[in-house]
């Protein structure tokens, strides 16, 4: 995707990072992936690349409002793609989305 060899809808681009729409649309409107342009297998492999990628995700989160920013490391933690990527998922009250460790909707505040 970074080199233009795989299809992707690029939503934002920085010198070191891109933000794209997930290939199958994501789990909510506005779901996007923030990905470093250099190969890093996961969040722990290169902390400086991970930090820069999180910086870009945080910039987008500031525009998105309520959202989850999530990454996974290793198969036991649901990582299926061996390239660092952060999911930014906009959220709204009552959207019905559950996190992997959530079994029921949290109580109303």
C-alpha atoms as a PDB file:
ATOM      1  CA  UNK A   1       0.000   0.000   0.000  1.00  0.00           C
ATOM      2  CA  UNK A   2       2.754   2.431   0.947  1.00  0.00           C
ATOM      3  CA  UNK A   3       4.572   1.761  -2.331  1.00  0.00           C
ATOM      4  CA  UNK A   4       1.350   1.889  -4.344  1.00  0.00           C
ATOM      5  CA  UNK A   5       1.390  -1.828  -5.226  1.00  0.00           C
ATOM      6  CA  UNK A   6      -1.706  -2.775  -3.243  1.00  0.00           C
ATOM      7  CA  UNK A   7      -5.038  -0.976  -3.450  1.00  0.00           C
ATOM      8  CA  UNK A   8      -5.807   1.481  -0.682  1.00  0.00           C
ATOM      9  CA  UNK A   9      -7.873   4.588  -0.161  1.00  0.00           C
ATOM     10  CA  UNK A  10      -5.387   7.031   1.366  1.00  0.00           C
ATOM     11  CA  UNK A  11      -7.180   9.520   3.592  1.00  0.00           C
ATOM     12  CA  UNK A  12      -4.147  11.409   4.928  1.00  0.00           C
ATOM     13  CA  UNK A  13      -0.421  11.182   4.322  1.00  0.00           C
ATOM     14  CA  UNK A  14       2.617  12.403   6.228  1.00  0.00           C
ATOM     15  CA  UNK A  15       6.297  11.896   5.366  1.00  0.00           C
ATOM     16  CA  UNK A  16       6.494   8.761   7.566  1.00  0.00           C
ATOM     17  CA  UNK A  17       2.891   7.587   7.936  1.00  0.00           C
ATOM     18  CA  UNK A  18      -0.353   7.078   6.013  1.00  0.00           C
ATOM     19  CA  UNK A  19      -3.980   6.851   7.100  1.00  0.00           C
ATOM     20  CA  UNK A  20      -6.182   4.599   4.982  1.00  0.00           C
ATOM     21  CA  UNK A  21      -9.693   3.211   4.948  1.00  0.00           C
ATOM     22  CA  UNK A  22      -9.791  -0.497   5.883  1.00  0.00           C
ATOM     23  CA  UNK A  23     -10.102  -2.710   2.811  1.00  0.00           C
ATOM     24  CA  UNK A  24     -13.559  -3.989   3.785  1.00  0.00           C
ATOM     25  CA  UNK A  25     -14.876  -0.709   5.173  1.00  0.00           C
ATOM     26  CA  UNK A  26     -14.147  -1.219   8.866  1.00  0.00           C
ATOM     27  CA  UNK A  27     -16.515  -1.681  11.760  1.00  0.00           C
ATOM     28  CA  UNK A  28     -17.988   1.852  11.755  1.00  0.00           C
ATOM     29  CA  UNK A  29     -18.231   4.896   9.521  1.00  0.00           C
ATOM     30  CA  UNK A  30     -14.942   6.752   9.733  1.00  0.00           C
ATOM     31  CA  UNK A  31     -12.894   3.681  10.801  1.00  0.00           C
ATOM     32  CA  UNK A  32      -9.360   4.130   9.545  1.00  0.00           C
ATOM     33  CA  UNK A  33      -5.908   2.608   9.880  1.00  0.00           C
ATOM     34  CA  UNK A  34      -2.760   4.591  10.654  1.00  0.00           C
ATOM     35  CA  UNK A  35       0.307   2.823   9.271  1.00  0.00           C
ATOM     36  CA  UNK A  36       4.027   3.653   9.242  1.00  0.00           C
ATOM     37  CA  UNK A  37       5.675   3.707   5.825  1.00  0.00           C
ATOM     38  CA  UNK A  38       8.644   1.671   7.087  1.00  0.00           C
ATOM     39  CA  UNK A  39       8.104  -1.975   7.972  1.00  0.00           C
ATOM     40  CA  UNK A  40       7.702  -2.551  11.687  1.00  0.00           C
ATOM     41  CA  UNK A  41       6.100  -5.846  12.683  1.00  0.00           C
ATOM     42  CA  UNK A  42       4.357  -4.562  15.801  1.00  0.00           C
ATOM     43  CA  UNK A  43       4.236  -1.805  18.410  1.00  0.00           C
ATOM     44  CA  UNK A  44       7.242  -3.156  20.350  1.00  0.00           C
ATOM     45  CA  UNK A  45       9.686  -3.605  17.476  1.00  0.00           C
ATOM     46  CA  UNK A  46      10.709   0.057  17.098  1.00  0.00           C
ATOM     47  CA  UNK A  47       9.410   2.395  19.813  1.00  0.00           C
ATOM     48  CA  UNK A  48      10.278   5.563  17.857  1.00  0.00           C
ATOM     49  CA  UNK A  49       8.263   4.430  14.811  1.00  0.00           C
ATOM     50  CA  UNK A  50       5.426   3.377  17.114  1.00  0.00           C
ATOM     51  CA  UNK A  51       5.479   6.753  18.865  1.00  0.00           C
ATOM     52  CA  UNK A  52       5.347   8.670  15.588  1.00  0.00           C
ATOM     53  CA  UNK A  53       2.507   6.474  14.344  1.00  0.00           C
ATOM     54  CA  UNK A  54       0.607   7.125  17.587  1.00  0.00           C
ATOM     55  CA  UNK A  55       1.256  10.865  17.199  1.00  0.00           C
ATOM     56  CA  UNK A  56      -0.442  10.792  13.799  1.00  0.00           C
ATOM     57  CA  UNK A  57      -3.316   8.711  15.177  1.00  0.00           C
ATOM     58  CA  UNK A  58      -3.708  11.222  18.029  1.00  0.00           C
ATOM     59  CA  UNK A  59      -3.898  14.092  15.528  1.00  0.00           C
ATOM     60  CA  UNK A  60      -6.715  12.288  13.734  1.00  0.00           C
ATOM     61  CA  UNK A  61      -8.419  11.361  17.013  1.00  0.00           C
ATOM     62  CA  UNK A  62      -8.544  15.056  17.934  1.00  0.00           C
ATOM     63  CA  UNK A  63     -10.644  15.574  14.802  1.00  0.00           C
ATOM     64  CA  UNK A  64     -12.788  12.465  15.321  1.00  0.00           C
ATOM     65  CA  UNK A  65     -14.158  13.101  18.802  1.00  0.00           C
ATOM     66  CA  UNK A  66     -15.001   9.985  20.825  1.00  0.00           C
ATOM     67  CA  UNK A  67     -13.067   7.032  19.421  1.00  0.00           C
ATOM     68  CA  UNK A  68     -11.020   3.961  20.176  1.00  0.00           C
ATOM     69  CA  UNK A  69      -7.362   3.884  19.125  1.00  0.00           C
ATOM     70  CA  UNK A  70      -6.237   0.265  19.165  1.00  0.00           C
ATOM     71  CA  UNK A  71      -3.267  -1.843  18.089  1.00  0.00           C
ATOM     72  CA  UNK A  72      -2.463  -5.475  18.775  1.00  0.00           C
ATOM     73  CA  UNK A  73       0.833  -7.300  19.255  1.00  0.00           C
ATOM     74  CA  UNK A  74       0.999 -11.016  18.568  1.00  0.00           C
ATOM     75  CA  UNK A  75      -1.567 -13.649  17.576  1.00  0.00           C
ATOM     76  CA  UNK A  76      -2.831 -14.114  21.141  1.00  0.00           C
ATOM     77  CA  UNK A  77      -3.731 -10.418  21.131  1.00  0.00           C
ATOM     78  CA  UNK A  78      -5.596 -10.719  17.788  1.00  0.00           C
ATOM     79  CA  UNK A  79      -2.775  -9.405  15.555  1.00  0.00           C
ATOM     80  CA  UNK A  80      -3.336 -10.926  12.110  1.00  0.00           C
ATOM     81  CA  UNK A  81      -1.235  -8.540   9.987  1.00  0.00           C
ATOM     82  CA  UNK A  82       2.499  -8.474  10.786  1.00  0.00           C
ATOM     83  CA  UNK A  83       2.878  -4.744  10.153  1.00  0.00           C
ATOM     84  CA  UNK A  84       2.224  -2.105  12.788  1.00  0.00           C
ATOM     85  CA  UNK A  85      -1.129  -0.419  12.288  1.00  0.00           C
ATOM     86  CA  UNK A  86      -3.441   1.489  14.593  1.00  0.00           C
ATOM     87  CA  UNK A  87      -7.202   1.339  14.238  1.00  0.00           C
ATOM     88  CA  UNK A  88      -9.039   4.583  14.860  1.00  0.00           C
ATOM     89  CA  UNK A  89     -12.723   3.793  15.331  1.00  0.00           C
ATOM     90  CA  UNK A  90     -15.163   6.671  15.888  1.00  0.00           C
ATOM     91  CA  UNK A  91     -17.686   5.886  18.613  1.00  0.00           C
ATOM     92  CA  UNK A  92     -21.162   7.098  19.574  1.00  0.00           C
ATOM     93  CA  UNK A  93     -23.432   6.272  22.490  1.00  0.00           C
ATOM     94  CA  UNK A  94     -25.485   3.217  21.638  1.00  0.00           C
ATOM     95  CA  UNK A  95     -23.420   2.215  18.584  1.00  0.00           C
ATOM     96  CA  UNK A  96     -23.395  -1.405  19.801  1.00  0.00           C
ATOM     97  CA  UNK A  97     -19.691  -1.968  19.141  1.00  0.00           C
ATOM     98  CA  UNK A  98     -17.999  -4.100  21.773  1.00  0.00           C
ATOM     99  CA  UNK A  99     -14.280  -4.339  22.414  1.00  0.00           C
ATOM    100  CA  UNK A 100     -12.842  -7.873  22.339  1.00  0.00           C
ATOM    101  CA  UNK A 101     -12.719  -8.049  26.136  1.00  0.00           C
ATOM    102  CA  UNK A 102     -16.199  -6.569  26.604  1.00  0.00           C
ATOM    103  CA  UNK A 103     -19.065  -8.993  27.076  1.00  0.00           C
ATOM    104  CA  UNK A 104     -21.855  -6.478  27.467  1.00  0.00           C
ATOM    105  CA  UNK A 105     -22.550  -2.827  26.885  1.00  0.00           C
ATOM    106  CA  UNK A 106     -21.238  -0.698  29.788  1.00  0.00           C
ATOM    107  CA  UNK A 107     -23.808   0.725  32.173  1.00  0.00           C
ATOM    108  CA  UNK A 108     -25.130   4.166  31.288  1.00  0.00           C
ATOM    109  CA  UNK A 109     -23.485   7.011  33.144  1.00  0.00           C
END
